[in-house]
Amino acid sequence: MADQVDLSVSLGRGLRLRSPVMVASGTFGYGFDAHGADRTALGAIVTKGTTPGAREGNAPTRIAETPSAMLNAIGLQNPGVDHVVRVYAPKWATWDVPVIVNVAGDAVDDYVAVARRLDGVAGIAGLELNISCPNVANGLQFGVDPRMAAQLTAGVRAVTRLPLLVKLTPNVTDIVAVGRAVEDAGADGVSAINTYLGMAIDIRRRRPVLSRGSGGLSGPAIKPLALHAVWELAAALRIPVVGVGGITTAADALEFLLAGAAAVQLGTVNYVRPQAVREIHDGIAAYIAAHDLRHLGALPIRQARVEAHV
């Protein structure tokens, strides 16, 4: 029976989720205004990127539709870490779903300052380092260089006991090299992937649609690319990989779990079908029950089995 399936998953340092279904940073705010989503189906909420001080973000236009995808250049609009600690965290502490704060900044010291401020705060279950944002100044500088990614991860690891995920950019030649670097530097897991760089041009006005020109591409169009990144990382890393990118159905989520992801994050779909959280949770449970697997750990395809049939 689907209701008897164990969907729990561990992301390290005592962070155990009741479900592998999470929501991706930037698509669920700080968890207060996603009225259509069933939080009881969620394993965790990942917040918007949080910086040392408040940010207004980029000027409009900041979002644009493209075929099977969405471009965004929000620019890390957020109220700053002090507001998060004083106003949001006490509310999260009363919830039955863990909240993971996505952390962003322009320099290593920014990330370290936010992590230090969040460490030990009730209501905060973990951190996700955004080293891969493509729509702010310096947003990609850490994510494309394994050495810088490791330096940033080690700096944060030194000031917090919280479970630590690192969100990787796909805009690199070798994502596995960056994944290994942050694993060696103390990350408890990686989220893969953040958005791809993309743009759209208004041919009537003869200018880019987004105010910054380029932005982050997300949605179903990037799913095969994200899935491949997860496949590569899961085979190479010892720490959990959280799959992100274009997941809109239970079948999509199952592809990531079969590829080796420990959990998945839903992003763009939250804007169009917030009820997808429950649909995907239940679809995963039904699949596992139908195949007599009983738990998530039995899902991933083993590389040797695949190679044997090539």
Foldseek 3Di string as FASTA:
>chain_A
DLVQFQQWFDLDLPLIFSHLEEADEPFCAQPDPLVQADCVLHREYEHHAAWQAADQFDDPPAWDDDVQKIFGQRGRGDHHLVCCLPPPQVVLLPDPHAYEYEYEDQDLVGRQVSLLSPAPRRNHQAYEYQCPFPRYVNSPVQQADLVSVLVSLLSSVVRHSHQYEYEHEPPYPDNLSNVVSNVVSPHQEYEFHWFDKDWAADPVVGATNGPSRIGGMAAQVCLVVQLVVLLVNQVRDPHAYEGEGHDQALVSQLSSLQSRHSHYHHHPNSVVRSHRSVRNSSSVSVVCVVVVNRYSVSRHDDPVVVVVVD
